[in-house]
Amino acid sequence: MEPAVLAPLLSVPFERTYTLGKNVSAIQILAAEDGSRRLGLITQLPEGAQVDVGGPGFNDRTVKVQCGGSSYFIFLEDLEPARKRAASAVTNS
């Protein structure tokens, strides 16, 4: 079985660090001893957690993030409310 292929590098038009406004489903990315990566379990990142955007996801609807020393894939739409709040704060300043 071939490992998941990552989507081409996306130009993500938002900040690098976000604070999650709700619990977010995430797929953990695990490192094997040989240096390869594999998908882990689906988990929840808690509301208030800070995530750093770290690259493209496995398709055009996901993004790779770092949180608490681990890597995850999450859906871009789960960052959307944070993007709207940030844009609103800039507009209202």
C-alpha atoms as a PDB file:
ATOM      1  CA  MET A   1       0.000   0.000   0.000  1.00  0.00           C
ATOM      2  CA  GLU A   2       1.376   3.399  -0.979  1.00  0.00           C
ATOM      3  CA  PRO A   3       1.510   6.154   1.687  1.00  0.00           C
ATOM      4  CA  ALA A   4      -0.830   9.125   1.337  1.00  0.00           C
ATOM      5  CA  VAL A   5       0.427  11.620  -1.236  1.00  0.00           C
ATOM      6  CA  LEU A   6       0.536  15.215  -0.091  1.00  0.00           C
ATOM      7  CA  ALA A   7      -1.262  17.842  -2.111  1.00  0.00           C
ATOM      8  CA  PRO A   8       0.873  20.378  -4.004  1.00  0.00           C
ATOM      9  CA  LEU A   9       2.127  23.267  -1.884  1.00  0.00           C
ATOM     10  CA  LEU A  10      -0.743  25.656  -1.301  1.00  0.00           C
ATOM     11  CA  SER A  11      -0.458  29.384  -0.967  1.00  0.00           C
ATOM     12  CA  VAL A  12      -2.234  29.720   2.372  1.00  0.00           C
ATOM     13  CA  PRO A  13      -3.376  33.351   2.707  1.00  0.00           C
ATOM     14  CA  PHE A  14      -3.547  33.538   6.489  1.00  0.00           C
ATOM     15  CA  GLU A  15      -1.419  33.971   9.583  1.00  0.00           C
ATOM     16  CA  ARG A  16       0.939  31.272  10.712  1.00  0.00           C
ATOM     17  CA  THR A  17      -0.389  30.822  14.289  1.00  0.00           C
ATOM     18  CA  TYR A  18      -4.030  30.425  15.293  1.00  0.00           C
ATOM     19  CA  THR A  19      -5.915  29.951  18.529  1.00  0.00           C
ATOM     20  CA  LEU A  20      -8.735  27.477  17.950  1.00  0.00           C
ATOM     21  CA  GLY A  21     -12.190  28.884  18.686  1.00  0.00           C
ATOM     22  CA  LYS A  22     -13.747  25.421  19.057  1.00  0.00           C
ATOM     23  CA  ASN A  23     -12.748  21.771  19.391  1.00  0.00           C
ATOM     24  CA  VAL A  24     -11.319  20.628  16.052  1.00  0.00           C
ATOM     25  CA  SER A  25     -10.988  17.096  14.685  1.00  0.00           C
ATOM     26  CA  ALA A  26      -7.405  16.300  13.672  1.00  0.00           C
ATOM     27  CA  ILE A  27      -5.496  13.351  12.227  1.00  0.00           C
ATOM     28  CA  GLN A  28      -2.153  12.877  13.941  1.00  0.00           C
ATOM     29  CA  ILE A  29       0.939  12.431  11.749  1.00  0.00           C
ATOM     30  CA  LEU A  30       3.306   9.844  13.218  1.00  0.00           C
ATOM     31  CA  ALA A  31       6.996   9.401  12.419  1.00  0.00           C
ATOM     32  CA  ALA A  32       8.292   5.861  11.978  1.00  0.00           C
ATOM     33  CA  GLU A  33      11.790   4.774  13.012  1.00  0.00           C
ATOM     34  CA  ASP A  34      12.879   4.727   9.355  1.00  0.00           C
ATOM     35  CA  GLY A  35      11.972   8.415   8.985  1.00  0.00           C
ATOM     36  CA  SER A  36       8.765   7.848   7.023  1.00  0.00           C
ATOM     37  CA  ARG A  37       5.442   9.301   8.125  1.00  0.00           C
ATOM     38  CA  ARG A  38       2.077   7.637   8.581  1.00  0.00           C
ATOM     39  CA  LEU A  39      -1.364   8.715   9.654  1.00  0.00           C
ATOM     40  CA  GLY A  40      -2.329   8.109  13.264  1.00  0.00           C
ATOM     41  CA  LEU A  41      -5.628   8.230  15.084  1.00  0.00           C
ATOM     42  CA  ILE A  42      -8.281  10.900  14.723  1.00  0.00           C
ATOM     43  CA  THR A  43      -8.273  13.085  17.823  1.00  0.00           C
ATOM     44  CA  GLN A  44      -9.688  16.396  19.025  1.00  0.00           C
ATOM     45  CA  LEU A  45      -7.587  19.522  19.451  1.00  0.00           C
ATOM     46  CA  PRO A  46      -9.256  21.530  22.228  1.00  0.00           C
ATOM     47  CA  GLU A  47     -10.780  24.980  21.997  1.00  0.00           C
ATOM     48  CA  GLY A  48      -8.112  27.528  22.910  1.00  0.00           C
ATOM     49  CA  ALA A  49      -5.210  25.415  21.631  1.00  0.00           C
ATOM     50  CA  GLN A  50      -2.622  27.263  19.565  1.00  0.00           C
ATOM     51  CA  VAL A  51      -1.737  25.702  16.216  1.00  0.00           C
ATOM     52  CA  ASP A  52       1.080  26.686  13.873  1.00  0.00           C
ATOM     53  CA  VAL A  53       0.378  26.177  10.170  1.00  0.00           C
ATOM     54  CA  GLY A  54       3.215  24.019   8.889  1.00  0.00           C
ATOM     55  CA  GLY A  55       2.398  23.223   5.274  1.00  0.00           C
ATOM     56  CA  PRO A  56      -0.053  21.672   2.871  1.00  0.00           C
ATOM     57  CA  GLY A  57      -2.424  18.901   3.835  1.00  0.00           C
ATOM     58  CA  PHE A  58      -3.123  15.637   2.087  1.00  0.00           C
ATOM     59  CA  ASN A  59      -5.696  17.335  -0.167  1.00  0.00           C
ATOM     60  CA  ASP A  60      -6.859  20.858  -1.002  1.00  0.00           C
ATOM     61  CA  ARG A  61      -9.242  20.990   1.998  1.00  0.00           C
ATOM     62  CA  THR A  62      -6.653  20.210   4.686  1.00  0.00           C
ATOM     63  CA  VAL A  63      -3.530  21.787   6.140  1.00  0.00           C
ATOM     64  CA  LYS A  64      -0.680  20.459   8.285  1.00  0.00           C
ATOM     65  CA  VAL A  65      -0.366  22.065  11.727  1.00  0.00           C
ATOM     66  CA  GLN A  66       1.823  21.717  14.812  1.00  0.00           C
ATOM     67  CA  CYS A  67       0.225  21.659  18.248  1.00  0.00           C
ATOM     68  CA  GLY A  68       1.773  20.648  21.556  1.00  0.00           C
ATOM     69  CA  GLY A  69       4.863  19.172  19.914  1.00  0.00           C
ATOM     70  CA  SER A  70       2.906  16.925  17.523  1.00  0.00           C
ATOM     71  CA  SER A  71       1.903  17.256  13.863  1.00  0.00           C
ATOM     72  CA  TYR A  72      -1.670  16.945  12.609  1.00  0.00           C
ATOM     73  CA  PHE A  73      -3.823  17.398   9.536  1.00  0.00           C
ATOM     74  CA  ILE A  74      -6.917  19.545  10.064  1.00  0.00           C
ATOM     75  CA  PHE A  75      -9.554  20.944   7.730  1.00  0.00           C
ATOM     76  CA  LEU A  76      -8.989  24.499   6.472  1.00  0.00           C
ATOM     77  CA  GLU A  77     -12.635  25.296   7.194  1.00  0.00           C
ATOM     78  CA  ASP A  78     -11.924  24.773  10.905  1.00  0.00           C
ATOM     79  CA  LEU A  79      -9.548  27.761  10.733  1.00  0.00           C
ATOM     80  CA  GLU A  80     -12.066  29.892   8.837  1.00  0.00           C
ATOM     81  CA  PRO A  81     -13.759  31.465  11.910  1.00  0.00           C
ATOM     82  CA  ALA A  82     -10.324  32.509  13.213  1.00  0.00           C
ATOM     83  CA  ARG A  83      -9.507  34.065   9.827  1.00  0.00           C
ATOM     84  CA  LYS A  84     -12.770  36.017   9.837  1.00  0.00           C
ATOM     85  CA  ARG A  85     -12.177  37.296  13.404  1.00  0.00           C
ATOM     86  CA  ALA A  86      -8.633  38.376  12.497  1.00  0.00           C
ATOM     87  CA  ALA A  87      -9.796  40.146   9.329  1.00  0.00           C
ATOM     88  CA  SER A  88     -12.605  41.859  11.260  1.00  0.00           C
ATOM     89  CA  ALA A  89     -10.168  43.100  13.913  1.00  0.00           C
ATOM     90  CA  VAL A  90      -7.913  44.622  11.233  1.00  0.00           C
ATOM     91  CA  THR A  91     -10.868  46.225   9.433  1.00  0.00           C
ATOM     92  CA  ASN A  92     -12.314  47.687  12.640  1.00  0.00           C
ATOM     93  CA  SER A  93      -8.978  49.162  13.795  1.00  0.00           C
END
